[in-house]
Amino acid sequence: MDYFLYLSSCNTCKRIMGELSLPKEVILIDIKKEPLTEDQLAYLYHSTGSHLDLINKRAQLFKSRKIDPQKLTEEAAKDLLLEHYTFLKRPVLVYRDQVYVGHSKAVVADAKKGLDEH
């Protein structure tokens, strides 16, 4: 299944969604309304090889909970990702068995290329 995990209140997510011109078969999932499932997280982990790579280290909850992102373990990262949507680095595009995480220029360019190839 192809899907795009985003936060509807995030202007960056909206901008990237527009830039990517997502095909109709890509399911849009607002992670605030439909939190990340264990199956989705398992797939993302399998694809990226790391829960830490999926963590949004700029999440406000890190500060309010006094969590040190530098001391985060894989298991703790997994728990945070399942606990609250804000910890997921976004957006996340899963398309044709490829996973694109984040909003860096390189990731967005790779996602565009992956979408154009199909």
N, C-alpha and C. Protein backbone atom coordinates (compact mmCIF):
# COMPACT_ATOMS: atom_id res chain seq x y z
N MET A 1 0.84 -1.17 0.00
CA MET A 1 0.00 0.00 0.00
C MET A 1 0.89 1.25 0.00
N ASP A 2 0.54 2.21 -0.81
CA ASP A 2 1.26 3.47 -0.91
C ASP A 2 0.56 4.51 -0.05
N TYR A 3 1.33 5.21 0.78
CA TYR A 3 0.71 6.22 1.63
C TYR A 3 1.68 7.35 1.94
N PHE A 4 1.10 8.45 2.41
CA PHE A 4 1.83 9.67 2.74
C PHE A 4 1.43 10.06 4.15
N LEU A 5 2.36 9.96 5.10
CA LEU A 5 2.11 10.34 6.49
C LEU A 5 2.49 11.80 6.65
N TYR A 6 1.56 12.59 7.15
CA TYR A 6 1.81 14.02 7.28
C TYR A 6 1.00 14.56 8.46
N LEU A 7 1.24 15.80 8.76
CA LEU A 7 0.48 16.49 9.80
C LEU A 7 -0.25 17.64 9.10
N SER A 8 -1.58 17.63 9.17
CA SER A 8 -2.37 18.62 8.42
C SER A 8 -2.10 20.05 8.86
N SER A 9 -1.61 20.25 10.06
CA SER A 9 -1.31 21.61 10.54
C SER A 9 0.11 22.05 10.20
N CYS A 10 0.86 21.20 9.52
CA CYS A 10 2.26 21.49 9.20
C CYS A 10 2.36 22.08 7.80
N ASN A 11 2.79 23.34 7.72
CA ASN A 11 2.91 24.00 6.42
C ASN A 11 3.95 23.34 5.53
N THR A 12 5.02 22.83 6.12
CA THR A 12 6.06 22.14 5.34
C THR A 12 5.48 20.89 4.70
N CYS A 13 4.70 20.13 5.46
CA CYS A 13 4.08 18.92 4.91
C CYS A 13 3.16 19.28 3.74
N LYS A 14 2.37 20.33 3.90
CA LYS A 14 1.45 20.76 2.85
C LYS A 14 2.23 21.19 1.60
N ARG A 15 3.30 21.94 1.81
CA ARG A 15 4.11 22.42 0.68
C ARG A 15 4.69 21.24 -0.09
N ILE A 16 5.24 20.29 0.64
CA ILE A 16 5.85 19.13 0.00
C ILE A 16 4.80 18.28 -0.70
N MET A 17 3.64 18.14 -0.09
CA MET A 17 2.56 17.39 -0.73
C MET A 17 2.24 18.01 -2.09
N GLY A 18 2.20 19.33 -2.15
CA GLY A 18 1.95 20.02 -3.41
C GLY A 18 3.09 19.84 -4.41
N GLU A 19 4.32 19.90 -3.92
CA GLU A 19 5.49 19.73 -4.80
C GLU A 19 5.54 18.33 -5.41
N LEU A 20 5.11 17.34 -4.65
CA LEU A 20 5.24 15.96 -5.12
C LEU A 20 4.15 15.56 -6.10
N SER A 21 3.03 16.27 -6.12
CA SER A 21 1.91 15.89 -7.00
C SER A 21 1.64 14.39 -6.85
N LEU A 22 1.22 14.00 -5.67
CA LEU A 22 1.03 12.59 -5.36
C LEU A 22 -0.03 11.94 -6.24
N PRO A 23 0.25 10.74 -6.73
CA PRO A 23 -0.75 10.00 -7.52
C PRO A 23 -1.98 9.68 -6.67
N LYS A 24 -3.10 9.43 -7.34
CA LYS A 24 -4.36 9.16 -6.65
C LYS A 24 -4.30 7.92 -5.76
N GLU A 25 -3.46 6.95 -6.10
CA GLU A 25 -3.40 5.72 -5.30
C GLU A 25 -2.68 5.89 -3.96
N VAL A 26 -2.01 7.01 -3.78
CA VAL A 26 -1.33 7.28 -2.51
C VAL A 26 -2.37 7.75 -1.50
N ILE A 27 -2.48 7.01 -0.39
CA ILE A 27 -3.43 7.34 0.66
C ILE A 27 -2.81 8.39 1.58
N LEU A 28 -3.54 9.47 1.80
CA LEU A 28 -3.07 10.53 2.69
C LEU A 28 -3.51 10.20 4.11
N ILE A 29 -2.54 10.18 5.04
CA ILE A 29 -2.83 9.84 6.43
C ILE A 29 -2.33 10.96 7.32
N ASP A 30 -3.27 11.68 7.93
CA ASP A 30 -2.93 12.72 8.90
C ASP A 30 -2.62 12.01 10.21
N ILE A 31 -1.35 12.03 10.61
CA ILE A 31 -0.92 11.24 11.77
C ILE A 31 -1.51 11.74 13.10
N LYS A 32 -2.05 12.92 13.10
CA LYS A 32 -2.71 13.39 14.32
C LYS A 32 -4.07 12.71 14.47
N LYS A 33 -4.75 12.49 13.36
CA LYS A 33 -6.07 11.85 13.37
C LYS A 33 -5.97 10.33 13.33
N GLU A 34 -4.96 9.83 12.65
CA GLU A 34 -4.74 8.39 12.54
C GLU A 34 -3.29 8.09 12.92
N PRO A 35 -3.03 7.89 14.21
CA PRO A 35 -1.65 7.68 14.67
C PRO A 35 -0.96 6.51 13.98
N LEU A 36 0.34 6.58 13.96
CA LEU A 36 1.17 5.53 13.39
C LEU A 36 0.84 4.19 14.04
N THR A 37 0.66 3.17 13.21
CA THR A 37 0.36 1.85 13.74
C THR A 37 1.65 1.06 13.93
N GLU A 38 1.56 0.00 14.71
CA GLU A 38 2.74 -0.85 14.91
C GLU A 38 3.19 -1.47 13.60
N ASP A 39 2.24 -1.84 12.73
CA ASP A 39 2.60 -2.42 11.43
C ASP A 39 3.30 -1.40 10.55
N GLN A 40 2.80 -0.17 10.53
CA GLN A 40 3.46 0.88 9.74
C GLN A 40 4.87 1.13 10.27
N LEU A 41 5.00 1.21 11.58
CA LEU A 41 6.31 1.45 12.17
C LEU A 41 7.26 0.30 11.87
N ALA A 42 6.77 -0.93 11.93
CA ALA A 42 7.62 -2.08 11.62
C ALA A 42 8.10 -2.01 10.17
N TYR A 43 7.22 -1.60 9.27
CA TYR A 43 7.62 -1.47 7.86
C TYR A 43 8.66 -0.36 7.70
N LEU A 44 8.42 0.77 8.32
CA LEU A 44 9.37 1.87 8.23
C LEU A 44 10.72 1.48 8.82
N TYR A 45 10.69 0.77 9.94
CA TYR A 45 11.93 0.31 10.56
C TYR A 45 12.67 -0.65 9.63
N HIS A 46 11.94 -1.57 9.05
CA HIS A 46 12.54 -2.54 8.13
C HIS A 46 13.18 -1.82 6.93
N SER A 47 12.54 -0.76 6.48
CA SER A 47 13.02 -0.03 5.30
C SER A 47 14.20 0.88 5.62
N THR A 48 14.19 1.48 6.80
CA THR A 48 15.25 2.44 7.14
C THR A 48 16.34 1.82 8.01
N GLY A 49 15.99 0.75 8.73
CA GLY A 49 16.96 0.09 9.59
C GLY A 49 17.15 0.76 10.95
N SER A 50 16.31 1.77 11.24
CA SER A 50 16.51 2.49 12.50
C SER A 50 15.26 3.23 12.92
N HIS A 51 14.90 3.08 14.19
CA HIS A 51 13.83 3.92 14.75
C HIS A 51 14.35 5.33 14.97
N LEU A 52 15.62 5.44 15.30
CA LEU A 52 16.21 6.76 15.56
C LEU A 52 16.16 7.65 14.32
N ASP A 53 16.28 7.06 13.13
CA ASP A 53 16.22 7.84 11.90
C ASP A 53 14.82 8.37 11.62
N LEU A 54 13.84 7.84 12.30
CA LEU A 54 12.45 8.26 12.11
C LEU A 54 12.01 9.32 13.12
N ILE A 55 12.89 9.62 14.06
CA ILE A 55 12.56 10.56 15.14
C ILE A 55 12.76 12.01 14.71
N ASN A 56 11.76 12.82 15.01
CA ASN A 56 11.85 14.26 14.82
C ASN A 56 12.50 14.84 16.07
N LYS A 57 13.77 15.10 15.99
CA LYS A 57 14.53 15.54 17.16
C LYS A 57 14.21 16.98 17.56
N ARG A 58 13.41 17.66 16.76
CA ARG A 58 13.02 19.04 17.08
C ARG A 58 11.64 19.10 17.73
N ALA A 59 11.05 17.95 18.02
CA ALA A 59 9.72 17.92 18.63
C ALA A 59 9.71 18.66 19.97
N GLN A 60 8.69 19.46 20.18
CA GLN A 60 8.58 20.23 21.41
C GLN A 60 8.49 19.35 22.65
N LEU A 61 7.95 18.13 22.49
CA LEU A 61 7.83 17.25 23.63
C LEU A 61 9.18 16.81 24.19
N PHE A 62 10.22 16.85 23.37
CA PHE A 62 11.56 16.55 23.90
C PHE A 62 11.91 17.53 25.01
N LYS A 63 11.61 18.80 24.77
CA LYS A 63 11.93 19.83 25.75
C LYS A 63 11.04 19.73 26.98
N SER A 64 9.74 19.60 26.76
CA SER A 64 8.82 19.58 27.90
C SER A 64 9.00 18.34 28.77
N ARG A 65 9.44 17.24 28.18
CA ARG A 65 9.68 16.01 28.95
C ARG A 65 11.14 15.86 29.37
N LYS A 66 11.94 16.81 28.95
CA LYS A 66 13.38 16.80 29.27
C LYS A 66 14.06 15.51 28.78
N ILE A 67 13.70 15.13 27.55
CA ILE A 67 14.31 13.97 26.91
C ILE A 67 15.53 14.45 26.13
N ASP A 68 16.65 13.81 26.32
CA ASP A 68 17.86 14.14 25.58
C ASP A 68 17.92 13.27 24.33
N PRO A 69 17.68 13.86 23.14
CA PRO A 69 17.69 13.06 21.91
C PRO A 69 19.02 12.35 21.66
N GLN A 70 20.10 12.90 22.21
CA GLN A 70 21.42 12.29 22.02
C GLN A 70 21.57 10.98 22.81
N LYS A 71 20.76 10.82 23.85
CA LYS A 71 20.85 9.62 24.68
C LYS A 71 19.74 8.61 24.38
N LEU A 72 18.99 8.87 23.32
CA LEU A 72 17.86 8.02 22.96
C LEU A 72 18.33 6.67 22.40
N THR A 73 17.72 5.60 22.86
CA THR A 73 18.03 4.26 22.36
C THR A 73 17.01 3.89 21.28
N GLU A 74 17.30 2.85 20.54
CA GLU A 74 16.37 2.36 19.51
C GLU A 74 15.02 2.00 20.14
N GLU A 75 15.05 1.29 21.26
CA GLU A 75 13.81 0.86 21.91
C GLU A 75 13.00 2.05 22.42
N ALA A 76 13.69 3.02 23.01
CA ALA A 76 13.01 4.22 23.49
C ALA A 76 12.42 5.01 22.32
N ALA A 77 13.15 5.08 21.21
CA ALA A 77 12.65 5.77 20.02
C ALA A 77 11.39 5.09 19.50
N LYS A 78 11.41 3.77 19.46
CA LYS A 78 10.22 3.02 19.01
C LYS A 78 9.02 3.36 19.89
N ASP A 79 9.22 3.34 21.19
CA ASP A 79 8.13 3.65 22.12
C ASP A 79 7.59 5.06 21.90
N LEU A 80 8.48 6.03 21.72
CA LEU A 80 8.05 7.41 21.49
C LEU A 80 7.25 7.53 20.19
N LEU A 81 7.71 6.86 19.15
CA LEU A 81 7.02 6.92 17.85
C LEU A 81 5.60 6.37 17.95
N LEU A 82 5.42 5.35 18.75
CA LEU A 82 4.08 4.77 18.92
C LEU A 82 3.23 5.58 19.90
N GLU A 83 3.89 6.31 20.77
CA GLU A 83 3.17 7.05 21.81
C GLU A 83 2.52 8.34 21.30
N HIS A 84 3.25 9.10 20.48
CA HIS A 84 2.75 10.42 20.09
C HIS A 84 3.22 10.79 18.69
N TYR A 85 2.31 11.32 17.89
CA TYR A 85 2.58 11.64 16.50
C TYR A 85 3.71 12.65 16.31
N THR A 86 3.90 13.53 17.26
CA THR A 86 4.88 14.60 17.10
C THR A 86 6.32 14.10 17.00
N PHE A 87 6.56 12.88 17.47
CA PHE A 87 7.92 12.35 17.44
C PHE A 87 8.33 11.82 16.06
N LEU A 88 7.37 11.65 15.14
CA LEU A 88 7.70 11.14 13.81
C LEU A 88 8.24 12.26 12.93
N LYS A 89 9.40 12.02 12.34
CA LYS A 89 9.96 12.94 11.36
C LYS A 89 9.01 12.91 10.17
N ARG A 90 8.64 14.06 9.67
CA ARG A 90 7.65 14.08 8.61
C ARG A 90 8.01 15.07 7.53
N PRO A 91 7.38 14.88 6.40
CA PRO A 91 6.43 13.82 6.04
C PRO A 91 7.15 12.51 5.72
N VAL A 92 6.35 11.46 5.59
CA VAL A 92 6.87 10.15 5.19
C VAL A 92 6.06 9.69 3.99
N LEU A 93 6.76 9.39 2.92
CA LEU A 93 6.12 8.84 1.73
C LEU A 93 6.56 7.39 1.57
N VAL A 94 5.58 6.50 1.47
CA VAL A 94 5.84 5.10 1.16
C VAL A 94 5.21 4.88 -0.22
N TYR A 95 6.06 4.62 -1.20
CA TYR A 95 5.58 4.50 -2.58
C TYR A 95 6.38 3.42 -3.31
N ARG A 96 5.66 2.43 -3.77
CA ARG A 96 6.28 1.33 -4.54
C ARG A 96 7.49 0.74 -3.83
N ASP A 97 7.30 0.40 -2.56
CA ASP A 97 8.34 -0.24 -1.75
C ASP A 97 9.54 0.65 -1.45
N GLN A 98 9.41 1.94 -1.67
CA GLN A 98 10.46 2.90 -1.31
C GLN A 98 9.92 3.79 -0.20
N VAL A 99 10.80 4.18 0.72
CA VAL A 99 10.40 5.03 1.83
C VAL A 99 11.24 6.30 1.81
N TYR A 100 10.56 7.43 1.90
CA TYR A 100 11.20 8.74 1.90
C TYR A 100 10.77 9.45 3.19
N VAL A 101 11.74 9.76 4.05
CA VAL A 101 11.43 10.31 5.37
C VAL A 101 12.04 11.71 5.51
N GLY A 102 11.19 12.67 5.86
CA GLY A 102 11.67 14.01 6.14
C GLY A 102 11.45 14.99 5.02
N HIS A 103 11.97 16.18 5.21
CA HIS A 103 11.72 17.26 4.26
C HIS A 103 12.99 17.92 3.73
N SER A 104 14.11 17.23 3.85
CA SER A 104 15.33 17.83 3.29
C SER A 104 15.21 17.90 1.78
N LYS A 105 15.96 18.80 1.19
CA LYS A 105 15.91 18.95 -0.27
C LYS A 105 16.26 17.64 -0.98
N ALA A 106 17.23 16.92 -0.44
CA ALA A 106 17.65 15.66 -1.05
C ALA A 106 16.54 14.61 -0.99
N VAL A 107 15.86 14.52 0.14
CA VAL A 107 14.78 13.55 0.29
C VAL A 107 13.62 13.89 -0.64
N VAL A 108 13.26 15.17 -0.71
CA VAL A 108 12.17 15.59 -1.58
C VAL A 108 12.53 15.33 -3.05
N ALA A 109 13.76 15.61 -3.43
CA ALA A 109 14.21 15.34 -4.80
C ALA A 109 14.16 13.85 -5.11
N ASP A 110 14.60 13.02 -4.17
CA ASP A 110 14.54 11.57 -4.36
C ASP A 110 13.10 11.09 -4.50
N ALA A 111 12.21 11.64 -3.69
CA ALA A 111 10.79 11.27 -3.73
C ALA A 111 10.20 11.65 -5.09
N LYS A 112 10.52 12.86 -5.56
CA LYS A 112 10.02 13.29 -6.89
C LYS A 112 10.51 12.33 -7.98
N LYS A 113 11.78 11.98 -7.90
CA LYS A 113 12.34 11.06 -8.88
C LYS A 113 11.65 9.70 -8.80
N GLY A 114 11.42 9.20 -7.59
CA GLY A 114 10.74 7.92 -7.41
C GLY A 114 9.32 7.95 -7.95
N LEU A 115 8.62 9.05 -7.75
CA LEU A 115 7.27 9.18 -8.28
C LEU A 115 7.27 9.27 -9.80
N ASP A 116 8.24 9.99 -10.36
CA ASP A 116 8.32 10.17 -11.81
C ASP A 116 8.67 8.89 -12.55
N GLU A 117 9.40 7.99 -11.87
CA GLU A 117 9.82 6.76 -12.51
C GLU A 117 8.67 5.78 -12.73
N HIS A 118 7.57 6.00 -12.04
CA HIS A 118 6.46 5.04 -12.12
C HIS A 118 5.30 5.63 -12.82
